[in-house]
């Protein structure tokens, strides 16, 4: 099975400016497709911006809303799948969500962040209740989490047990927590034997300072590609043959003793 070339878009776009963010995503998709990528991953709440305060209700939209339709057109135009973050409206509730759209424009998966970070998120968003959301892309099982979710090892292990090969984590990682991008994410990839694409915002935005450092970490704990602190598009390979060999050599999942862990839940 061939590798899945994956592009990570490290950018904060323009907070509150959906049309400009769609334009930036379209330009990144063209560059990614030109480099042979089959998947483009954008950061948390990329469609609208993260630090949008009381504009959250105004900018939130359903999973099948106009932003989704516009991104489906981008995916089809450039022939690659796109994962993006956005505020999802479902009735009176608003979720911090991410959605994966295939290269044919079909919506493949939608995930609602289960662990909300800080006062801003807890004020405006409802936590999701589904831990594992997956889709298949080019023979690789894709799983979705968002930012703070990946800092809970239980979430990543749940994906490992469900067969996730590549975990996509759009994020808004801020100062002074850059150690998550530098250290925690590669460890998560190793201990649960999967690839993890951690895709961050960058620079100042409202009261926040995003640290960049987006990365694609492999199941050996080695980072395949790493962005710096500024706007950047980086590309890495998700190799299913290497993943299978790594899982055979590192039998964490087979050596688990679940009967001992009941008290942890």
Protein backbone atom coordinates (compact mmCIF):
# COMPACT_ATOMS: atom_id res chain seq x y z
CA UNK A 1 0.00 0.00 0.00
CA UNK A 2 1.49 3.40 -0.93
CA UNK A 3 2.21 6.11 1.61
CA UNK A 4 -0.32 8.86 2.24
CA UNK A 5 1.42 12.17 1.62
CA UNK A 6 -0.01 14.58 4.17
CA UNK A 7 0.26 18.38 4.21
CA UNK A 8 0.05 20.38 7.45
CA UNK A 9 -1.09 24.00 7.12
CA UNK A 10 0.27 26.05 10.02
CA UNK A 11 -1.67 29.30 9.88
CA UNK A 12 -4.10 31.42 11.89
CA UNK A 13 -5.69 32.91 8.79
CA UNK A 14 -7.79 36.00 9.56
CA UNK A 15 -9.98 35.74 12.69
CA UNK A 16 -13.58 36.54 11.85
CA UNK A 17 -12.94 36.60 8.08
CA UNK A 18 -14.36 33.35 6.70
CA UNK A 19 -13.97 34.33 3.03
CA UNK A 20 -10.29 35.18 3.51
CA UNK A 21 -9.66 31.97 5.40
CA UNK A 22 -11.27 29.98 2.60
CA UNK A 23 -8.99 31.76 0.12
CA UNK A 24 -5.93 30.90 2.23
CA UNK A 25 -7.06 27.28 2.40
CA UNK A 26 -7.58 27.18 -1.37
CA UNK A 27 -4.07 28.50 -1.95
CA UNK A 28 -2.59 25.97 0.49
CA UNK A 29 -4.53 23.15 -1.17
CA UNK A 30 -3.06 24.12 -4.55
CA UNK A 31 0.47 24.04 -3.12
CA UNK A 32 -0.15 20.76 -1.29
CA UNK A 33 -1.63 19.07 -4.34
CA UNK A 34 1.28 20.34 -6.44
CA UNK A 35 3.62 18.56 -4.01
CA UNK A 36 1.68 15.31 -4.38
CA UNK A 37 -0.27 15.45 -1.10
CA UNK A 38 -3.53 13.53 -0.84
CA UNK A 39 -4.56 15.11 2.46
CA UNK A 40 -4.41 18.68 3.79
CA UNK A 41 -4.93 19.37 7.51
CA UNK A 42 -5.76 22.87 8.78
CA UNK A 43 -5.77 24.07 12.43
CA UNK A 44 -8.47 24.25 15.08
CA UNK A 45 -11.32 26.65 14.21
CA UNK A 46 -9.50 27.62 11.01
CA UNK A 47 -12.69 28.50 9.15
CA UNK A 48 -13.56 31.37 11.50
CA UNK A 49 -10.51 32.01 13.65
CA UNK A 50 -10.05 30.99 17.28
CA UNK A 51 -10.11 34.26 19.25
CA UNK A 52 -13.46 35.46 17.95
CA UNK A 53 -15.12 36.00 21.34
CA UNK A 54 -18.82 36.77 21.24
CA UNK A 55 -18.86 36.32 17.45
CA UNK A 56 -18.95 32.55 17.99
CA UNK A 57 -22.78 32.29 17.71
CA UNK A 58 -22.83 34.45 14.60
CA UNK A 59 -20.10 32.50 12.79
CA UNK A 60 -21.14 29.00 13.85
CA UNK A 61 -22.78 26.89 11.15
CA UNK A 62 -24.14 23.35 10.70
CA UNK A 63 -21.82 20.55 9.59
CA UNK A 64 -23.37 20.74 6.12
CA UNK A 65 -23.30 24.56 6.06
CA UNK A 66 -21.83 26.99 3.52
CA UNK A 67 -18.26 26.61 4.81
CA UNK A 68 -18.48 22.87 4.28
CA UNK A 69 -19.76 23.38 0.73
CA UNK A 70 -16.95 25.83 -0.06
CA UNK A 71 -14.29 23.47 1.29
CA UNK A 72 -15.80 20.57 -0.66
CA UNK A 73 -15.29 22.65 -3.81
CA UNK A 74 -11.66 23.24 -2.82
CA UNK A 75 -11.13 19.53 -2.20
CA UNK A 76 -12.58 18.58 -5.58
CA UNK A 77 -10.74 21.33 -7.44
CA UNK A 78 -7.36 20.22 -6.13
CA UNK A 79 -8.02 16.49 -5.82
CA UNK A 80 -7.19 15.99 -2.14
CA UNK A 81 -8.99 15.46 1.15
CA UNK A 82 -9.24 18.39 3.59
CA UNK A 83 -9.60 18.42 7.37
CA UNK A 84 -10.54 21.78 8.91
CA UNK A 85 -11.75 23.14 12.24
CA UNK A 86 -14.91 25.23 12.66
CA UNK A 87 -17.64 26.13 15.19
CA UNK A 88 -20.53 23.74 14.55
CA UNK A 89 -24.10 24.79 15.31
CA UNK A 90 -26.60 22.07 16.17
CA UNK A 91 -29.82 23.70 17.31
CA UNK A 92 -29.02 25.87 20.32
CA UNK A 93 -25.72 24.13 20.98
CA UNK A 94 -22.35 25.07 19.49
CA UNK A 95 -19.43 22.63 19.31
CA UNK A 96 -15.73 23.13 18.64
CA UNK A 97 -15.61 20.75 15.69
CA UNK A 98 -13.47 19.43 12.87
CA UNK A 99 -14.64 17.94 9.60
CA UNK A 100 -12.94 15.72 7.03
CA UNK A 101 -14.03 16.12 3.42
CA UNK A 102 -12.85 13.70 0.74
CA UNK A 103 -11.24 14.53 -2.58
CA UNK A 104 -14.64 13.87 -4.19
CA UNK A 105 -16.29 16.50 -1.99
CA UNK A 106 -18.09 13.99 0.23
CA UNK A 107 -18.20 14.66 3.98
CA UNK A 108 -16.35 11.71 5.55
CA UNK A 109 -16.32 12.47 9.28
CA UNK A 110 -17.26 15.17 11.78
CA UNK A 111 -15.84 15.33 15.30
CA UNK A 112 -16.81 17.46 18.30
CA UNK A 113 -14.08 18.32 20.81
CA UNK A 114 -14.68 16.36 24.01
CA UNK A 115 -12.29 18.17 26.38
CA UNK A 116 -12.70 21.95 26.36
CA UNK A 117 -9.72 24.06 27.40
CA UNK A 118 -9.95 27.27 29.40
CA UNK A 119 -12.64 29.84 30.07
CA UNK A 120 -13.16 30.89 26.44
CA UNK A 121 -14.00 27.39 25.18
CA UNK A 122 -16.03 26.46 28.24
CA UNK A 123 -18.12 29.62 27.88
CA UNK A 124 -19.03 29.21 24.22
CA UNK A 125 -18.92 25.51 23.40
CA UNK A 126 -20.69 22.33 24.43
CA UNK A 127 -18.34 19.35 24.89
CA UNK A 128 -18.76 16.47 22.47
CA UNK A 129 -19.61 12.99 23.72
CA UNK A 130 -18.11 10.68 21.06
CA UNK A 131 -14.48 9.83 21.74
CA UNK A 132 -13.63 7.92 18.57
CA UNK A 133 -14.61 9.27 15.16
CA UNK A 134 -12.94 7.66 12.13
CA UNK A 135 -12.94 7.51 8.34
CA UNK A 136 -10.99 5.56 5.74
CA UNK A 137 -8.80 7.41 3.24
CA UNK A 138 -6.66 5.66 0.64
CA UNK A 139 -6.70 2.48 2.73
CA UNK A 140 -5.59 4.26 5.92
CA UNK A 141 -7.88 4.58 8.90
CA UNK A 142 -8.06 8.24 9.94
CA UNK A 143 -9.05 9.30 13.46
CA UNK A 144 -9.97 12.79 14.70
CA UNK A 145 -9.23 14.66 17.93
CA UNK A 146 -8.84 18.39 18.63
CA UNK A 147 -6.01 20.07 20.55
CA UNK A 148 -6.50 19.51 24.32
CA UNK A 149 -8.05 16.09 23.59
CA UNK A 150 -4.65 14.62 22.66
CA UNK A 151 -3.23 15.56 26.07
CA UNK A 152 -5.42 12.85 27.62
CA UNK A 153 -3.72 9.50 26.92
CA UNK A 154 -7.05 7.72 27.26
CA UNK A 155 -8.33 9.42 24.11
CA UNK A 156 -5.38 8.35 21.99
CA UNK A 157 -5.41 4.81 23.38
CA UNK A 158 -9.11 4.54 22.53
CA UNK A 159 -8.19 5.37 18.94
CA UNK A 160 -5.39 2.80 18.97
CA UNK A 161 -7.80 0.09 20.16
CA UNK A 162 -10.24 1.12 17.42
CA UNK A 163 -7.56 0.72 14.74
CA UNK A 164 -6.69 4.33 13.94
CA UNK A 165 -3.55 4.55 11.77
CA UNK A 166 -3.30 8.33 11.43
CA UNK A 167 -4.67 10.64 14.10
CA UNK A 168 -5.43 14.17 12.90
CA UNK A 169 -5.27 16.81 15.64
CA UNK A 170 -6.04 20.38 14.53
CA UNK A 171 -4.96 22.56 17.42
CA UNK A 172 -4.64 26.03 18.90
CA UNK A 173 -1.60 25.39 21.09
CA UNK A 174 -0.53 28.52 22.94
CA UNK A 175 2.41 29.78 24.96
CA UNK A 176 3.69 28.50 27.41
CA UNK A 177 2.56 24.96 26.56
CA UNK A 178 4.84 24.30 23.58
CA UNK A 179 6.20 21.17 25.30
CA UNK A 180 3.01 19.44 24.13
CA UNK A 181 4.03 19.88 20.49
CA UNK A 182 7.67 19.17 21.21
CA UNK A 183 7.38 16.18 23.54
CA UNK A 184 3.86 14.95 24.31
CA UNK A 185 2.71 14.40 20.73
CA UNK A 186 5.68 12.20 19.67
CA UNK A 187 5.22 10.15 22.85
CA UNK A 188 1.51 9.70 22.13
CA UNK A 189 2.39 8.43 18.65
CA UNK A 190 4.88 5.92 20.09
CA UNK A 191 2.88 4.63 23.05
CA UNK A 192 -0.23 4.02 20.92
CA UNK A 193 1.62 3.02 17.73
CA UNK A 194 0.16 5.37 15.15
CA UNK A 195 1.00 8.49 13.16
CA UNK A 196 -0.15 11.77 14.70
CA UNK A 197 -0.55 14.96 12.66
CA UNK A 198 -0.65 17.90 15.08
CA UNK A 199 -1.49 21.11 13.20
CA UNK A 200 -1.29 24.41 15.04
CA UNK A 201 -2.14 28.07 14.69
CA UNK A 202 0.69 30.60 14.90
CA UNK A 203 1.36 34.10 16.21
CA UNK A 204 -0.72 36.52 18.32
CA UNK A 205 -4.49 36.37 18.21
CA UNK A 206 -6.50 38.31 20.76
CA UNK A 207 -5.24 37.39 24.22
CA UNK A 208 -3.45 34.29 22.92
CA UNK A 209 0.02 33.65 21.51
CA UNK A 210 0.08 30.49 19.40
CA UNK A 211 3.41 28.70 19.19
CA UNK A 212 3.32 26.88 15.83
CA UNK A 213 5.59 23.81 15.90
CA UNK A 214 3.12 21.67 13.93
CA UNK A 215 4.40 18.17 13.35
CA UNK A 216 3.78 14.74 11.91
CA UNK A 217 5.07 12.15 14.41
CA UNK A 218 5.56 8.49 13.54
CA UNK A 219 4.86 5.33 15.56
CA UNK A 220 8.56 5.20 16.47
CA UNK A 221 8.23 8.56 18.25
CA UNK A 222 10.29 10.28 15.56
CA UNK A 223 8.96 13.50 14.03
CA UNK A 224 8.80 13.19 10.25
CA UNK A 225 8.28 16.88 9.58
CA UNK A 226 8.16 19.91 11.84
CA UNK A 227 7.11 23.51 11.20
CA UNK A 228 8.75 26.50 12.86
CA UNK A 229 6.96 29.38 14.58
CA UNK A 230 5.55 31.18 11.53
CA UNK A 231 3.10 30.57 8.68
CA UNK A 232 4.18 27.40 6.94
CA UNK A 233 3.03 24.39 4.90
CA UNK A 234 4.97 21.22 5.71
CA UNK A 235 4.56 17.78 4.19
CA UNK A 236 5.26 14.29 5.49
CA UNK A 237 4.59 10.66 4.60
CA UNK A 238 2.31 8.24 6.42
CA UNK A 239 3.78 4.83 5.53
CA UNK A 240 1.45 1.89 6.27
CA UNK A 241 4.23 -0.68 5.82
CA UNK A 242 6.43 1.07 8.37
CA UNK A 243 3.43 1.32 10.70
CA UNK A 244 2.78 -2.43 10.48
CA UNK A 245 6.44 -3.22 11.18
CA UNK A 246 6.52 -0.82 14.12
CA UNK A 247 3.40 -2.36 15.64
CA UNK A 248 4.92 -5.83 15.33
CA UNK A 249 8.12 -4.69 17.04
CA UNK A 250 6.39 -2.71 19.81
CA UNK A 251 3.55 -4.85 21.21
CA UNK A 252 2.11 -2.35 23.69
CA UNK A 253 -1.46 -3.14 22.69
CA UNK A 254 -0.96 -6.90 22.83
CA UNK A 255 0.80 -6.71 26.21
CA UNK A 256 -1.86 -4.61 27.91
CA UNK A 257 -3.59 -6.02 31.02
CA UNK A 258 -6.97 -4.25 30.98
CA UNK A 259 -8.14 -6.06 34.11
CA UNK A 260 -5.66 -4.01 36.12
CA UNK A 261 -6.85 -0.65 34.82
CA UNK A 262 -10.51 -0.64 35.81
CA UNK A 263 -10.01 1.82 38.65
CA UNK A 264 -8.64 4.40 36.20
CA UNK A 265 -12.11 4.85 34.71
